Structure formats: C-alpha cells, structure tokens
Amino acid sequence: MALAQADIAFACDLFSDLGPVTVRKMFGGICLYLDGTVFALMSSDSTLYLKAKGDVAQALAADGATQFHNMPYWSIPEAALDDSQEACTLARRTFASL
C-alpha cells in the first residue's frame, strides 16, 4: 500500500529544521534526502527509519530501535516522532555516521 500524502507531509515537516529535505517515492514508501544523500526512509506502513552505521546504529539498537530488514535503517523512537527538535538531533547524528 502506498503512503498517504499526509504521511509524506508529516515526515518532511518533522525534519524541516535540517534544511531542504527532498523526497522520492520507492516501493510504496519514500526515501528522504538531505543535500542529495538519503538519510531516512518511511516504509509503506508509515514507520519512519533513520539511516545509521557504526556506533550510532548500535546506540539506536540498544535503545530499542528496530532494523528495517537487513538494511542500515533504524526506527525512530516514539518520543522523537512527537518532537521535531529531537528527531532532527537524531537525524544529524545518523547523517554524521554515514
């Protein structure tokens, strides 16, 4: 099932403090880009994931984040979904790990 426009708008709004975030639809979900680099994705079930590697990925996993299949994407904590500043802080940390 494809994402609703409201879900896409939510993701873009959540990360708006990062700068110009662009979106590309893929496989019923979306990839979110900052400066041409993918930093997050939203799956077709509206779950939002941040791309992370190394220590940042391990910290997200230790905090209970779930991995998107076997890819380097980790779910965003519920608290960050309600707080764009926290979501952007996490996104900056994960972006730096790439």
N, C-alpha and C. Protein backbone atom coordinates (compact mmCIF):
# COMPACT_ATOMS: atom_id res chain seq x y z
N MET A 1 0.83 -1.17 0.00
CA MET A 1 0.00 0.00 0.00
C MET A 1 0.88 1.24 0.00
N ALA A 2 0.57 2.21 -0.81
CA ALA A 2 1.34 3.44 -0.91
C ALA A 2 1.01 4.37 0.26
N LEU A 3 1.97 5.18 0.59
CA LEU A 3 1.78 6.14 1.68
C LEU A 3 0.80 7.23 1.29
N ALA A 4 0.07 7.71 2.27
CA ALA A 4 -0.83 8.85 2.07
C ALA A 4 0.01 10.13 2.00
N GLN A 5 -0.50 11.11 1.32
CA GLN A 5 0.19 12.40 1.22
C GLN A 5 0.41 13.01 2.61
N ALA A 6 -0.52 12.77 3.52
CA ALA A 6 -0.38 13.30 4.89
C ALA A 6 0.84 12.69 5.59
N ASP A 7 1.13 11.42 5.36
CA ASP A 7 2.31 10.78 5.95
C ASP A 7 3.59 11.39 5.40
N ILE A 8 3.61 11.64 4.11
CA ILE A 8 4.77 12.25 3.47
C ILE A 8 4.99 13.66 4.01
N ALA A 9 3.91 14.41 4.13
CA ALA A 9 3.99 15.78 4.67
C ALA A 9 4.49 15.76 6.11
N PHE A 10 4.03 14.79 6.91
CA PHE A 10 4.48 14.67 8.30
C PHE A 10 5.99 14.47 8.36
N ALA A 11 6.51 13.57 7.55
CA ALA A 11 7.95 13.28 7.56
C ALA A 11 8.75 14.51 7.15
N CYS A 12 8.31 15.19 6.12
CA CYS A 12 9.01 16.40 5.66
C CYS A 12 8.97 17.49 6.72
N ASP A 13 7.83 17.66 7.37
CA ASP A 13 7.69 18.66 8.42
C ASP A 13 8.56 18.32 9.63
N LEU A 14 8.60 17.04 9.99
CA LEU A 14 9.38 16.59 11.14
C LEU A 14 10.86 16.97 10.99
N PHE A 15 11.38 16.88 9.79
CA PHE A 15 12.79 17.14 9.53
C PHE A 15 13.05 18.50 8.88
N SER A 16 12.08 19.38 8.89
CA SER A 16 12.22 20.66 8.17
C SER A 16 13.35 21.53 8.71
N ASP A 17 13.71 21.40 9.98
CA ASP A 17 14.80 22.21 10.53
C ASP A 17 16.18 21.80 10.02
N LEU A 18 16.26 20.66 9.35
CA LEU A 18 17.54 20.21 8.80
C LEU A 18 17.95 21.01 7.58
N GLY A 19 16.98 21.57 6.90
CA GLY A 19 17.22 22.26 5.64
C GLY A 19 16.28 21.69 4.59
N PRO A 20 16.59 21.92 3.33
CA PRO A 20 15.70 21.45 2.27
C PRO A 20 15.73 19.92 2.11
N VAL A 21 14.72 19.28 2.66
CA VAL A 21 14.57 17.82 2.57
C VAL A 21 13.76 17.51 1.32
N THR A 22 14.26 16.60 0.51
CA THR A 22 13.52 16.17 -0.67
C THR A 22 13.10 14.72 -0.49
N VAL A 23 12.12 14.32 -1.29
CA VAL A 23 11.51 13.00 -1.14
C VAL A 23 11.43 12.32 -2.49
N ARG A 24 11.63 11.02 -2.47
CA ARG A 24 11.44 10.21 -3.67
C ARG A 24 10.65 8.97 -3.27
N LYS A 25 9.58 8.72 -3.97
CA LYS A 25 8.76 7.54 -3.69
C LYS A 25 9.47 6.29 -4.18
N MET A 26 9.44 5.25 -3.34
CA MET A 26 10.06 3.98 -3.69
C MET A 26 9.32 2.83 -3.03
N PHE A 27 8.92 1.85 -3.78
CA PHE A 27 8.35 0.61 -3.27
C PHE A 27 7.21 0.82 -2.28
N GLY A 28 6.36 1.79 -2.54
CA GLY A 28 5.22 2.07 -1.68
C GLY A 28 5.55 2.97 -0.52
N GLY A 29 6.83 3.26 -0.30
CA GLY A 29 7.27 4.17 0.75
C GLY A 29 8.00 5.35 0.14
N ILE A 30 8.83 6.00 0.96
CA ILE A 30 9.62 7.12 0.46
C ILE A 30 11.03 7.07 1.03
N CYS A 31 11.96 7.67 0.31
CA CYS A 31 13.29 7.96 0.82
C CYS A 31 13.36 9.47 1.01
N LEU A 32 13.98 9.88 2.10
CA LEU A 32 14.16 11.30 2.38
C LEU A 32 15.63 11.64 2.18
N TYR A 33 15.88 12.75 1.50
CA TYR A 33 17.23 13.16 1.14
C TYR A 33 17.54 14.53 1.74
N LEU A 34 18.78 14.69 2.14
CA LEU A 34 19.31 15.98 2.56
C LEU A 34 20.60 16.19 1.77
N ASP A 35 20.67 17.26 1.04
CA ASP A 35 21.83 17.55 0.19
C ASP A 35 22.15 16.38 -0.75
N GLY A 36 21.11 15.72 -1.26
CA GLY A 36 21.28 14.64 -2.22
C GLY A 36 21.63 13.30 -1.63
N THR A 37 21.70 13.19 -0.30
CA THR A 37 22.04 11.94 0.37
C THR A 37 20.84 11.41 1.14
N VAL A 38 20.54 10.13 0.97
CA VAL A 38 19.45 9.52 1.72
C VAL A 38 19.83 9.46 3.19
N PHE A 39 18.95 9.97 4.05
CA PHE A 39 19.21 9.90 5.49
C PHE A 39 18.08 9.20 6.24
N ALA A 40 16.96 8.97 5.57
CA ALA A 40 15.82 8.32 6.24
C ALA A 40 14.91 7.70 5.19
N LEU A 41 14.05 6.82 5.67
CA LEU A 41 13.00 6.29 4.81
C LEU A 41 11.75 6.08 5.64
N MET A 42 10.64 6.09 4.95
CA MET A 42 9.36 5.76 5.56
C MET A 42 8.81 4.59 4.77
N SER A 43 8.56 3.50 5.48
CA SER A 43 8.06 2.29 4.82
C SER A 43 6.58 2.45 4.49
N SER A 44 6.07 1.52 3.74
CA SER A 44 4.67 1.61 3.30
C SER A 44 3.68 1.52 4.46
N ASP A 45 4.14 1.05 5.65
CA ASP A 45 3.25 1.03 6.81
C ASP A 45 3.40 2.28 7.67
N SER A 46 4.07 3.31 7.13
CA SER A 46 4.26 4.62 7.77
C SER A 46 5.28 4.63 8.90
N THR A 47 6.09 3.59 9.02
CA THR A 47 7.15 3.59 10.01
C THR A 47 8.32 4.39 9.46
N LEU A 48 8.86 5.27 10.29
CA LEU A 48 9.96 6.14 9.88
C LEU A 48 11.27 5.59 10.43
N TYR A 49 12.27 5.49 9.57
CA TYR A 49 13.58 4.94 9.91
C TYR A 49 14.67 5.93 9.54
N LEU A 50 15.73 5.97 10.35
CA LEU A 50 16.91 6.77 10.05
C LEU A 50 18.02 5.84 9.59
N LYS A 51 18.79 6.30 8.62
CA LYS A 51 19.93 5.53 8.15
C LYS A 51 21.10 5.78 9.10
N ALA A 52 21.68 4.72 9.63
CA ALA A 52 22.78 4.87 10.59
C ALA A 52 23.74 3.71 10.48
N LYS A 53 24.98 3.99 10.80
CA LYS A 53 26.02 2.96 10.80
C LYS A 53 26.85 3.08 12.07
N GLY A 54 27.63 2.07 12.35
CA GLY A 54 28.59 2.09 13.44
C GLY A 54 27.97 2.29 14.81
N ASP A 55 28.64 3.14 15.60
CA ASP A 55 28.22 3.37 16.98
C ASP A 55 26.82 3.95 17.08
N VAL A 56 26.45 4.78 16.13
CA VAL A 56 25.11 5.39 16.16
C VAL A 56 24.05 4.32 15.97
N ALA A 57 24.27 3.42 15.03
CA ALA A 57 23.33 2.32 14.81
C ALA A 57 23.24 1.43 16.05
N GLN A 58 24.39 1.16 16.65
CA GLN A 58 24.41 0.33 17.87
C GLN A 58 23.66 1.00 19.01
N ALA A 59 23.80 2.31 19.13
CA ALA A 59 23.09 3.05 20.18
C ALA A 59 21.58 3.02 19.94
N LEU A 60 21.16 3.18 18.69
CA LEU A 60 19.74 3.10 18.38
C LEU A 60 19.19 1.72 18.71
N ALA A 61 19.93 0.68 18.33
CA ALA A 61 19.51 -0.69 18.61
C ALA A 61 19.42 -0.93 20.12
N ALA A 62 20.39 -0.41 20.86
CA ALA A 62 20.39 -0.58 22.32
C ALA A 62 19.20 0.13 22.96
N ASP A 63 18.73 1.20 22.30
CA ASP A 63 17.57 1.94 22.81
C ASP A 63 16.24 1.35 22.35
N GLY A 64 16.31 0.20 21.67
CA GLY A 64 15.09 -0.49 21.27
C GLY A 64 14.63 -0.26 19.85
N ALA A 65 15.42 0.44 19.05
CA ALA A 65 15.05 0.66 17.65
C ALA A 65 15.06 -0.67 16.90
N THR A 66 14.18 -0.79 15.94
CA THR A 66 14.14 -1.99 15.12
C THR A 66 14.75 -1.68 13.75
N GLN A 67 15.37 -2.70 13.19
CA GLN A 67 16.04 -2.54 11.90
C GLN A 67 15.06 -2.84 10.77
N PHE A 68 15.18 -2.06 9.70
CA PHE A 68 14.37 -2.27 8.50
C PHE A 68 15.05 -3.35 7.67
N HIS A 69 14.46 -4.54 7.72
CA HIS A 69 15.03 -5.71 7.05
C HIS A 69 16.50 -5.84 7.45
N ASN A 70 17.39 -6.08 6.53
CA ASN A 70 18.82 -6.15 6.85
C ASN A 70 19.56 -4.92 6.36
N MET A 71 18.82 -3.85 6.24
CA MET A 71 19.39 -2.60 5.73
C MET A 71 19.82 -1.72 6.90
N PRO A 72 20.65 -0.72 6.64
CA PRO A 72 21.16 0.14 7.73
C PRO A 72 20.18 1.24 8.15
N TYR A 73 18.92 0.89 8.33
CA TYR A 73 17.90 1.83 8.74
C TYR A 73 17.29 1.37 10.05
N TRP A 74 17.13 2.31 10.99
CA TRP A 74 16.66 2.01 12.34
C TRP A 74 15.46 2.89 12.67
N SER A 75 14.46 2.30 13.29
CA SER A 75 13.24 3.04 13.61
C SER A 75 13.52 4.20 14.56
N ILE A 76 12.73 5.24 14.41
CA ILE A 76 12.85 6.42 15.24
C ILE A 76 12.05 6.22 16.52
N PRO A 77 12.62 6.54 17.68
CA PRO A 77 11.87 6.40 18.93
C PRO A 77 10.58 7.22 18.92
N GLU A 78 9.56 6.71 19.57
CA GLU A 78 8.26 7.38 19.61
C GLU A 78 8.38 8.83 20.08
N ALA A 79 9.22 9.07 21.09
CA ALA A 79 9.36 10.44 21.62
C ALA A 79 9.84 11.41 20.54
N ALA A 80 10.71 10.95 19.65
CA ALA A 80 11.22 11.81 18.59
C ALA A 80 10.16 12.08 17.52
N LEU A 81 9.21 11.20 17.38
CA LEU A 81 8.13 11.43 16.42
C LEU A 81 7.21 12.56 16.85
N ASP A 82 7.23 12.85 18.15
CA ASP A 82 6.40 13.93 18.70
C ASP A 82 7.19 15.21 18.93
N ASP A 83 8.49 15.21 18.62
CA ASP A 83 9.35 16.35 18.91
C ASP A 83 10.33 16.53 17.75
N SER A 84 10.07 17.51 16.91
CA SER A 84 10.90 17.69 15.71
C SER A 84 12.34 18.04 16.08
N GLN A 85 12.57 18.73 17.19
CA GLN A 85 13.95 19.04 17.59
C GLN A 85 14.70 17.76 17.91
N GLU A 86 14.06 16.84 18.63
CA GLU A 86 14.70 15.57 18.95
C GLU A 86 14.91 14.74 17.69
N ALA A 87 13.94 14.74 16.80
CA ALA A 87 14.06 13.99 15.54
C ALA A 87 15.22 14.54 14.71
N CYS A 88 15.35 15.85 14.65
CA CYS A 88 16.43 16.46 13.88
C CYS A 88 17.79 16.20 14.52
N THR A 89 17.85 16.20 15.84
CA THR A 89 19.10 15.87 16.53
C THR A 89 19.53 14.45 16.19
N LEU A 90 18.58 13.52 16.25
CA LEU A 90 18.89 12.13 15.87
C LEU A 90 19.31 12.04 14.41
N ALA A 91 18.62 12.75 13.55
CA ALA A 91 18.95 12.72 12.12
C ALA A 91 20.35 13.26 11.88
N ARG A 92 20.73 14.33 12.57
CA ARG A 92 22.08 14.86 12.42
C ARG A 92 23.13 13.85 12.86
N ARG A 93 22.87 13.16 13.98
CA ARG A 93 23.79 12.13 14.47
C ARG A 93 23.92 11.00 13.46
N THR A 94 22.78 10.55 12.93
CA THR A 94 22.84 9.44 11.98
C THR A 94 23.49 9.88 10.66
N PHE A 95 23.19 11.10 10.22
CA PHE A 95 23.78 11.62 8.98
C PHE A 95 25.30 11.67 9.11
N ALA A 96 25.78 12.06 10.28
CA ALA A 96 27.23 12.14 10.51
C ALA A 96 27.88 10.76 10.52
N SER A 97 27.09 9.71 10.80
CA SER A 97 27.64 8.35 10.83
C SER A 97 27.79 7.73 9.45
N LEU A 98 27.22 8.38 8.46
CA LEU A 98 27.28 7.81 7.12
C LEU A 98 28.59 8.15 6.52
